[in-house]
Protein backbone atom coordinates (compact mmCIF):
# COMPACT_ATOMS: atom_id res chain seq x y z
CA MET A 1 24.06 20.81 5.22
CA ASN A 2 20.76 23.00 4.24
CA PRO A 3 18.54 22.30 6.98
CA LEU A 4 15.61 21.37 4.38
CA LEU A 5 17.69 19.18 2.46
CA GLN A 6 18.30 17.71 6.16
CA LEU A 7 14.86 16.68 6.67
CA LEU A 8 14.51 15.31 3.36
CA ALA A 9 17.29 13.11 4.24
CA ASP A 10 16.13 11.90 7.38
CA PHE A 11 12.72 11.17 5.82
CA THR A 12 14.15 9.25 3.12
CA GLU A 13 16.62 7.02 5.45
CA GLY A 14 14.09 6.53 8.48
CA ARG A 15 15.56 8.96 11.17
CA LEU A 16 12.46 11.49 10.85
CA ASP A 17 8.94 10.07 11.86
CA ILE A 18 6.38 10.01 9.13
CA SER A 19 3.75 11.90 10.63
CA ALA A 20 6.19 14.74 11.46
CA PHE A 21 7.33 14.58 7.87
CA GLU A 22 4.10 15.10 6.33
CA GLU A 23 3.15 17.91 8.96
CA LYS A 24 6.34 19.74 7.75
CA LEU A 25 5.55 18.78 4.05
CA TYR A 26 2.19 20.64 4.59
CA GLN A 27 3.25 23.55 7.13
CA ASP A 28 6.72 24.62 6.27
CA ALA A 29 6.34 26.95 3.26
CA ALA A 30 9.90 27.07 2.54
CA LEU A 31 9.93 23.24 2.00
CA GLU A 32 7.20 23.89 -0.23
CA GLN A 33 9.22 26.19 -2.38
CA LEU A 34 11.98 24.06 -2.46
CA LEU A 35 9.97 21.00 -3.82
CA SER A 36 7.65 23.28 -6.06
CA GLU A 37 10.98 24.10 -7.69
CA GLN A 38 11.44 20.52 -8.84
CA GLN A 39 9.69 18.18 -11.39
CA ALA A 40 7.28 15.82 -10.51
CA PRO A 41 8.57 11.97 -11.51
CA ARG A 42 7.72 11.48 -15.03
CA HIS A 43 5.02 9.00 -14.15
CA ALA A 44 3.43 11.60 -12.01
CA PRO A 45 0.31 13.16 -13.75
CA TRP A 46 1.23 16.64 -11.28
CA PRO A 47 3.75 19.19 -12.61
CA THR A 48 6.18 19.53 -9.50
CA LEU A 49 7.84 17.43 -6.80
CA TYR A 50 5.66 18.87 -4.23
CA HIS A 51 2.49 18.18 -5.75
CA TYR A 52 3.27 14.83 -6.22
CA LEU A 53 4.65 14.30 -2.60
CA ILE A 54 1.20 15.87 -0.90
CA ASN A 55 -0.85 13.50 -3.17
CA LEU A 56 0.57 10.20 -1.64
CA ASP A 57 -0.98 8.15 1.50
CA TYR A 58 1.23 8.26 4.17
CA ARG A 59 -0.32 5.24 5.47
CA ASN A 60 0.26 3.73 2.81
CA PRO A 61 3.70 1.75 2.82
CA GLY A 62 4.18 1.51 -0.95
CA ASP A 63 3.43 5.16 -1.25
CA ILE A 64 6.13 5.54 1.73
CA LEU A 65 8.39 3.57 -0.63
CA ASN A 66 7.93 5.82 -3.71
CA ALA A 67 8.29 9.22 -1.42
CA GLN A 68 11.63 7.90 0.08
CA SER A 69 12.54 6.60 -3.49
CA THR A 70 12.13 9.79 -5.11
CA LEU A 71 13.68 12.16 -2.44
CA SER A 72 16.51 9.99 -2.77
CA ASP A 73 16.80 10.29 -6.53
CA PHE A 74 16.44 14.16 -5.57
CA LEU A 75 19.04 14.46 -3.10
CA LEU A 76 21.56 12.48 -5.13
CA THR A 77 21.20 14.99 -8.39
CA LEU A 78 22.62 17.79 -5.30
CA GLY A 79 25.22 15.17 -4.26
CA ILE A 80 23.73 13.98 -1.29
CA HIS A 81 23.85 10.31 -0.94
CA ALA A 82 20.42 9.24 1.14
CA GLU A 83 19.75 5.41 1.44
CA ILE A 84 16.17 4.68 1.29
CA SER A 85 14.79 3.32 4.90
CA ALA A 86 15.52 -0.05 5.62
CA GLY A 87 12.32 -0.32 7.85
CA THR A 88 10.32 0.65 4.75
CA THR A 89 11.64 -1.73 2.42
CA GLU A 90 11.64 -4.97 5.17
CA LEU A 91 7.60 -4.09 5.72
CA MET A 92 7.23 -3.86 2.05
CA ALA A 93 8.80 -7.35 1.90
CA LEU A 94 6.80 -8.76 4.86
CA LEU A 95 3.25 -7.52 3.32
CA SER A 96 3.89 -9.10 -0.07
CA THR A 97 5.17 -12.32 1.14
CA ALA A 98 2.38 -12.86 4.04
CA GLN A 99 -0.27 -12.68 1.59
CA PRO A 100 -1.60 -15.90 -0.26
CA LYS A 101 -1.48 -15.80 -4.36
CA TRP A 102 -5.24 -15.50 -4.24
CA LEU A 103 -5.04 -11.99 -2.08
CA ASP A 104 -3.67 -8.68 -3.01
CA VAL A 105 -4.52 -6.48 0.04
CA ASP A 106 -3.90 -2.50 -0.08
CA LEU A 107 -0.72 -2.30 1.47
CA SER A 108 -2.37 0.32 3.93
CA TYR A 109 -4.78 -2.35 5.32
CA GLY A 110 -1.58 -4.93 5.65
CA ALA A 111 0.19 -2.11 7.50
CA ALA A 112 -2.82 -1.21 10.06
CA LEU A 113 -3.15 -5.12 10.75
CA LEU A 114 0.59 -5.07 11.56
CA LEU A 115 -0.02 -2.57 14.26
CA ASN A 116 -1.99 -5.36 16.05
CA ALA A 117 1.21 -8.00 16.27
CA PRO A 118 2.97 -8.47 19.29
CA PRO A 119 5.19 -5.94 19.70
CA ASP A 120 8.78 -7.69 20.58
CA SER A 121 7.89 -10.58 17.88
CA ASN A 122 11.15 -11.01 15.19
CA LEU A 123 10.49 -10.45 11.30
CA ARG A 124 9.43 -14.16 10.76
CA GLU A 125 7.03 -14.25 14.03
CA LYS A 126 5.55 -11.01 12.35
CA LYS A 127 5.46 -12.94 8.74
CA LYS A 128 3.31 -15.61 10.38
CA TRP A 129 1.11 -13.33 12.65
CA LEU A 130 0.34 -11.44 9.68
CA LYS A 131 -0.54 -14.69 7.31
CA ASP A 132 -2.77 -15.79 9.90
CA ALA A 133 -4.49 -12.48 10.53
CA LEU A 134 -5.13 -12.29 6.82
CA LEU A 135 -6.61 -15.89 6.68
CA SER A 136 -8.88 -14.99 9.54
CA ALA A 137 -9.90 -11.73 8.05
CA PHE A 138 -10.58 -12.83 4.34
CA ARG A 139 -12.77 -16.01 4.86
CA TYR A 140 -14.18 -18.39 2.23
CA ILE A 141 -16.91 -20.79 2.27
CA ARG A 142 -15.25 -23.73 0.38
CA GLN A 143 -12.00 -22.29 -1.31
CA PRO A 144 -10.44 -18.82 -2.37
CA PRO A 145 -11.44 -17.21 -5.45
CA ARG A 146 -9.56 -18.33 -8.61
CA TRP A 147 -9.23 -14.98 -10.19
CA LEU A 148 -9.42 -14.68 -14.07
CA GLN A 149 -7.46 -11.11 -13.58
CA ALA A 150 -5.63 -9.63 -10.37
CA PRO A 151 -7.29 -10.30 -6.99
CA ALA A 152 -10.15 -7.85 -6.28
CA TRP A 153 -11.38 -8.90 -2.87
CA PRO A 154 -13.78 -6.25 -1.63
CA ILE A 155 -13.54 -4.51 1.60
CA GLY A 156 -16.61 -3.19 3.22
CA PRO A 157 -16.66 -0.57 6.18
CA SER A 158 -16.87 -3.49 8.72
CA GLY A 159 -13.80 -5.32 7.17
CA PRO A 160 -13.24 -7.75 4.25
CA LEU A 161 -16.65 -9.65 2.84
CA VAL A 162 -16.94 -13.52 2.56
CA PHE A 163 -16.33 -15.32 -0.43
CA LEU A 164 -19.16 -17.58 -1.27
CA GLY A 165 -18.36 -19.07 -4.35
CA GLN A 166 -17.57 -18.02 -8.21
CA LEU A 167 -19.71 -18.98 -11.06
CA PRO A 168 -18.16 -19.30 -14.54
CA VAL A 169 -20.14 -17.15 -17.43
CA ASP A 170 -18.59 -18.10 -20.39
CA GLY A 171 -20.17 -17.04 -23.55
CA TYR A 172 -21.97 -14.18 -21.67
CA LEU A 173 -18.89 -12.08 -22.94
CA HIS A 174 -16.64 -12.94 -25.72
CA ASP A 175 -14.10 -13.90 -23.28
CA LYS A 176 -13.67 -16.79 -20.42
CA ALA A 177 -15.42 -14.83 -17.64
CA ALA A 178 -16.40 -15.58 -14.21
CA ALA A 179 -18.81 -13.90 -11.42
CA TYR A 180 -17.31 -13.86 -8.01
CA VAL A 181 -20.20 -13.63 -5.02
CA PHE A 182 -19.15 -12.04 -2.00
CA HIS A 183 -21.41 -11.26 1.36
CA ASP A 184 -21.21 -8.48 3.83
CA PRO A 185 -22.77 -10.29 7.07
CA ALA A 186 -22.92 -6.58 8.89
CA GLU A 187 -24.87 -5.08 6.00
CA GLY A 188 -26.61 -8.52 4.83
CA LYS A 189 -25.99 -7.57 1.29
CA CYS A 190 -24.05 -9.43 -1.93
CA THR A 191 -21.46 -8.08 -3.81
CA THR A 192 -20.68 -9.55 -7.17
CA ILE A 193 -17.54 -8.65 -9.32
CA LEU A 194 -17.31 -9.72 -13.04
CA GLN A 195 -13.85 -10.69 -14.53
CA HIS A 196 -12.84 -11.72 -17.88
CA CYS A 197 -9.92 -12.91 -19.80
C-alpha cells in the first residue's frame, strides 16, 4: 500500500498517535497534495479534504472522530477498508453518557478531565470517575439549571462558573424566557445567560 494511504489508515484505525498524525498533516507536502486533490465533506465550508482536516481540533474527541470517519470514507473510495478506531468511539460514548442532562460539556474539556482518571481503571470505573469529576467541577447553589434551550454552562479561565440560580423573565420577550446567573469565584464577577423558547 502507498505509504501515505497507510498513514491515513493507521490514524483512522488508531494505530498512529494523534499528535504524530497532526504533525504529518502540517509538515508533509506529499500528504497535503494528496488531500488537497479531494473534495471536503459536503457539510464543510472548506474546498478540500486537506483544508477540512487542518481546521479540526485534534484535542477534541468529536473532531478526531470526524477526521477518522471522513478518512475511512475516503479510503473506501480507493478500495481500502479502514475501521474507525474503537478507542475514539468508546471515548465519545463515555463522555456523552457520563454527563447529567443539564450539562453539555465540550468534549475536549471532558477528555482533558479524563487524563486525571486512575490509569488502571476499566470503562465502568472511568465513567463513574468522570461523573463525579463533572459534578465536582460544575457546582450549583440549590439545583442545576433547567435550560429552555441547549445547556450553555460558561467556563472561565479558572474553570466552570458556579450556578447561582435562574429567573423567569416571561413577558420580556415574545416567548417563555429565563435568565441564568453564574458567578466566577476567581474573578468575583457574574455572568448572565438569557434563553427563550
